[in-house]
Amino acid sequence: MPDELLDRKSIFSVFVECKASLTRMVKRYSNRQSDVEDILQEAFLNVYSADKNTPISFPKQYLFKATRNLAVRENTKVSEKLTEYIEDSDESLLLTDEKDIFVELAAQQEKELLLLAINQLPGQCRKVTQLRIIEGARMKDIAVKLNITVSTVEKHLAKGLELCDDFVREAILPASSDNEDVNNFPKQQGSVK
């Protein structure tokens, strides 16, 4: 029994003797200062328990090795938790169905401007452009519906898109000679030329 007590004391005395060196080593591996003391205590308990089961021949080396391994493992756990937290928070941000109010407002304004531009087009050109852009109809279906050729649909669509583009450009970037505010729309006219 006194020999056992002497062995336990030797593990303890090795730990006390090497505590400063062990602390420096753990600090190299640990990201958080608060973990250093916890890692040292756990390493001591692990070595003490291992020595209780089977006597350790080289307690100093065993203590350093066990402490280093524990510090590395704890650092890995902290890194994994941080990575999981970041990944979870990124996913939660990406999974939200909420749309930015400014994006919705901009999309609505763009749609209104496009509808305004289409309404300024001449009759047949307006019908073709509206069926294609707003309703998404195929050119062949538009030709059948309006009783015109596909070639005529293509020409009306090209003309409609060009006139709509001009209208939108004027609305967004008014001529500098007009001294208009960028947010003001040009005055509506009977038709776009």
Protein backbone atom coordinates (compact mmCIF):
# COMPACT_ATOMS: atom_id res chain seq x y z
CA MET A 1 0.00 0.00 0.00
CA PRO A 2 2.72 2.59 0.78
CA ASP A 3 4.33 1.71 -2.60
CA GLU A 4 1.05 2.53 -4.36
CA LEU A 5 0.86 5.87 -2.59
CA LEU A 6 4.45 6.57 -3.60
CA ASP A 7 3.56 5.85 -7.28
CA ARG A 8 0.56 8.21 -7.18
CA LYS A 9 2.72 10.84 -5.59
CA SER A 10 5.31 10.41 -8.33
CA ILE A 11 2.66 11.08 -11.03
CA PHE A 12 1.53 14.09 -9.05
CA SER A 13 5.08 15.30 -8.50
CA VAL A 14 5.86 14.91 -12.22
CA PHE A 15 2.74 16.93 -13.04
CA VAL A 16 3.66 19.72 -10.59
CA GLU A 17 7.25 19.75 -11.84
CA CYS A 18 6.20 20.00 -15.50
CA LYS A 19 3.07 22.15 -15.16
CA ALA A 20 4.67 25.30 -16.61
CA SER A 21 5.96 23.42 -19.67
CA LEU A 22 2.65 21.60 -20.09
CA THR A 23 0.80 24.93 -19.90
CA ARG A 24 2.96 26.44 -22.66
CA MET A 25 2.43 23.38 -24.83
CA VAL A 26 -1.35 23.45 -24.38
CA LYS A 27 -1.44 27.17 -25.20
CA ARG A 28 0.18 26.39 -28.56
CA TYR A 29 -2.59 23.95 -29.43
CA SER A 30 -5.60 25.60 -27.82
CA ASN A 31 -7.42 28.53 -29.37
CA ARG A 32 -9.09 29.55 -26.13
CA GLN A 33 -7.21 30.54 -23.00
CA SER A 34 -10.04 29.30 -20.78
CA ASP A 35 -9.50 25.71 -22.00
CA VAL A 36 -5.85 25.48 -20.89
CA GLU A 37 -6.51 24.68 -17.23
CA ASP A 38 -9.32 22.26 -18.10
CA ILE A 39 -7.11 20.37 -20.53
CA LEU A 40 -4.29 20.15 -17.96
CA GLN A 41 -6.63 18.82 -15.28
CA GLU A 42 -8.20 16.28 -17.61
CA ALA A 43 -4.78 15.14 -18.83
CA PHE A 44 -3.61 14.66 -15.25
CA LEU A 45 -6.72 12.64 -14.38
CA ASN A 46 -6.33 10.47 -17.49
CA VAL A 47 -2.67 9.76 -16.74
CA TYR A 48 -3.42 9.14 -13.08
CA SER A 49 -6.20 6.66 -14.01
CA ALA A 50 -3.98 4.93 -16.56
CA ASP A 51 -1.21 4.61 -13.99
CA LYS A 52 -3.66 3.20 -11.48
CA ASN A 53 -4.60 0.39 -13.92
CA THR A 54 -1.11 -0.27 -15.26
CA PRO A 55 2.02 1.37 -13.83
CA ILE A 56 3.59 3.84 -16.28
CA SER A 57 7.31 3.41 -16.84
CA PHE A 58 8.01 6.93 -18.10
CA PRO A 59 5.40 9.19 -16.49
CA LYS A 60 6.88 12.49 -17.73
CA GLN A 61 6.83 11.45 -21.40
CA TYR A 62 3.43 9.83 -21.00
CA LEU A 63 2.04 12.99 -19.39
CA PHE A 64 3.36 15.23 -22.19
CA LYS A 65 2.04 12.90 -24.90
CA ALA A 66 -1.38 12.56 -23.25
CA THR A 67 -1.65 16.32 -22.70
CA ARG A 68 -0.69 17.13 -26.30
CA ASN A 69 -3.18 14.59 -27.68
CA LEU A 70 -5.95 15.96 -25.48
CA ALA A 71 -5.17 19.56 -26.49
CA VAL A 72 -5.24 18.64 -30.18
CA ARG A 73 -8.51 16.72 -29.75
CA GLU A 74 -10.15 19.59 -27.86
CA ASN A 75 -8.98 22.10 -30.46
CA THR A 76 -10.48 19.91 -33.19
CA LYS A 77 -13.78 19.71 -31.31
CA VAL A 78 -13.92 23.50 -30.96
CA SER A 79 -13.10 23.94 -34.66
CA GLU A 80 -15.77 21.45 -35.67
CA LYS A 81 -18.37 23.12 -33.46
CA LEU A 82 -17.49 26.50 -34.91
CA THR A 83 -17.62 25.14 -38.46
CA GLU A 84 -20.98 23.46 -37.80
CA TYR A 85 -22.33 26.66 -36.28
CA ILE A 86 -21.20 28.71 -39.28
CA GLU A 87 -22.59 26.15 -41.72
CA ASP A 88 -25.91 26.03 -39.84
CA SER A 89 -26.22 29.79 -39.74
CA ASP A 90 -25.34 30.08 -43.44
CA GLU A 91 -27.96 27.47 -44.33
CA SER A 92 -30.58 29.19 -42.22
CA LEU A 93 -29.87 32.45 -44.02
CA LEU A 94 -30.14 30.75 -47.38
CA LEU A 95 -33.29 28.82 -46.51
CA THR A 96 -35.38 31.83 -45.56
CA ASP A 97 -38.23 32.56 -47.94
CA GLU A 98 -38.26 36.21 -47.09
CA LYS A 99 -37.46 38.42 -50.04
CA ASP A 100 -35.76 41.72 -49.73
CA ILE A 101 -38.40 44.45 -49.87
CA PHE A 102 -36.19 46.52 -52.15
CA VAL A 103 -35.80 43.66 -54.63
CA GLU A 104 -39.58 43.17 -54.70
CA LEU A 105 -40.17 46.90 -55.12
CA ALA A 106 -37.62 47.14 -57.94
CA ALA A 107 -39.16 44.14 -59.72
CA GLN A 108 -42.64 45.63 -59.41
CA GLN A 109 -41.44 48.99 -60.76
CA GLU A 110 -39.70 47.28 -63.67
CA LYS A 111 -42.88 45.35 -64.51
CA GLU A 112 -44.99 48.51 -64.35
CA LEU A 113 -42.53 50.31 -66.59
CA LEU A 114 -42.56 47.44 -69.07
CA LEU A 115 -46.38 47.36 -69.12
CA LEU A 116 -46.41 51.10 -69.66
CA ALA A 117 -43.97 50.70 -72.55
CA ILE A 118 -46.02 47.88 -74.11
CA ASN A 119 -49.23 49.92 -73.83
CA GLN A 120 -47.56 52.69 -75.85
CA LEU A 121 -46.93 50.36 -78.81
CA PRO A 122 -49.05 50.45 -82.00
CA GLY A 123 -51.99 47.95 -82.14
CA GLN A 124 -50.71 44.73 -83.74
CA CYS A 125 -47.18 45.26 -82.42
CA ARG A 126 -48.60 45.69 -78.89
CA LYS A 127 -50.65 42.47 -79.15
CA VAL A 128 -47.67 40.41 -80.37
CA THR A 129 -45.28 41.84 -77.76
CA GLN A 130 -47.77 41.39 -74.94
CA LEU A 131 -48.53 37.78 -75.90
CA ARG A 132 -44.82 36.94 -76.12
CA ILE A 133 -43.39 38.84 -73.13
CA ILE A 134 -46.27 38.92 -70.65
CA GLU A 135 -48.04 35.65 -71.44
CA GLY A 136 -44.99 33.73 -72.70
CA ALA A 137 -46.73 32.43 -75.80
CA ARG A 138 -44.69 30.81 -78.57
CA MET A 139 -44.34 32.69 -81.85
CA LYS A 140 -46.16 29.95 -83.77
CA ASP A 141 -49.13 30.17 -81.36
CA ILE A 142 -49.19 33.97 -81.64
CA ALA A 143 -49.26 33.68 -85.43
CA VAL A 144 -52.22 31.30 -85.30
CA LYS A 145 -54.09 33.37 -82.70
CA LEU A 146 -53.67 36.66 -84.59
CA ASN A 147 -54.00 35.04 -88.04
CA ILE A 148 -50.63 36.33 -89.28
CA THR A 149 -47.44 34.62 -90.40
CA VAL A 150 -44.61 33.68 -88.06
CA SER A 151 -42.37 36.06 -90.01
CA THR A 152 -44.78 38.92 -89.30
CA VAL A 153 -44.83 37.94 -85.60
CA GLU A 154 -41.02 38.07 -85.55
CA LYS A 155 -41.00 41.53 -87.18
CA HIS A 156 -43.66 42.92 -84.81
CA LEU A 157 -41.82 41.44 -81.83
CA ALA A 158 -38.48 42.90 -82.92
CA LYS A 159 -40.07 46.31 -83.44
CA GLY A 160 -41.94 46.06 -80.11
CA LEU A 161 -38.83 45.10 -78.17
CA GLU A 162 -36.85 47.91 -79.75
CA LEU A 163 -39.53 50.50 -78.95
CA CYS A 164 -39.95 49.15 -75.40
CA ASP A 165 -36.18 49.33 -74.90
CA ASP A 166 -36.14 52.96 -76.09
CA PHE A 167 -39.07 53.82 -73.80
CA VAL A 168 -37.44 52.22 -70.77
CA ARG A 169 -34.10 53.91 -71.47
CA GLU A 170 -35.83 57.30 -71.69
CA ALA A 171 -37.68 56.61 -68.46
CA ILE A 172 -34.57 55.52 -66.55
CA LEU A 173 -32.05 57.92 -68.04
CA PRO A 174 -33.87 61.06 -69.13
CA ALA A 175 -32.07 63.33 -71.55
CA SER A 176 -29.74 65.71 -69.72
CA SER A 177 -31.21 68.66 -71.57
CA ASP A 178 -34.63 68.01 -69.97
CA ASN A 179 -33.16 68.52 -66.46
CA GLU A 180 -35.55 65.86 -65.17
CA ASP A 181 -35.03 63.83 -62.02
CA VAL A 182 -33.85 60.26 -62.76
CA ASN A 183 -36.90 58.85 -60.95
CA ASN A 184 -39.45 60.75 -63.08
CA PHE A 185 -41.02 58.99 -66.03
CA PRO A 186 -41.24 60.76 -69.36
CA LYS A 187 -44.64 62.16 -70.19
CA GLN A 188 -46.93 59.63 -71.83
CA GLN A 189 -47.65 60.26 -75.46
CA GLY A 190 -50.26 58.77 -77.76
CA SER A 191 -47.78 56.23 -79.15
CA VAL A 192 -44.11 55.47 -79.16
CA LYS A 193 -42.37 56.26 -82.42
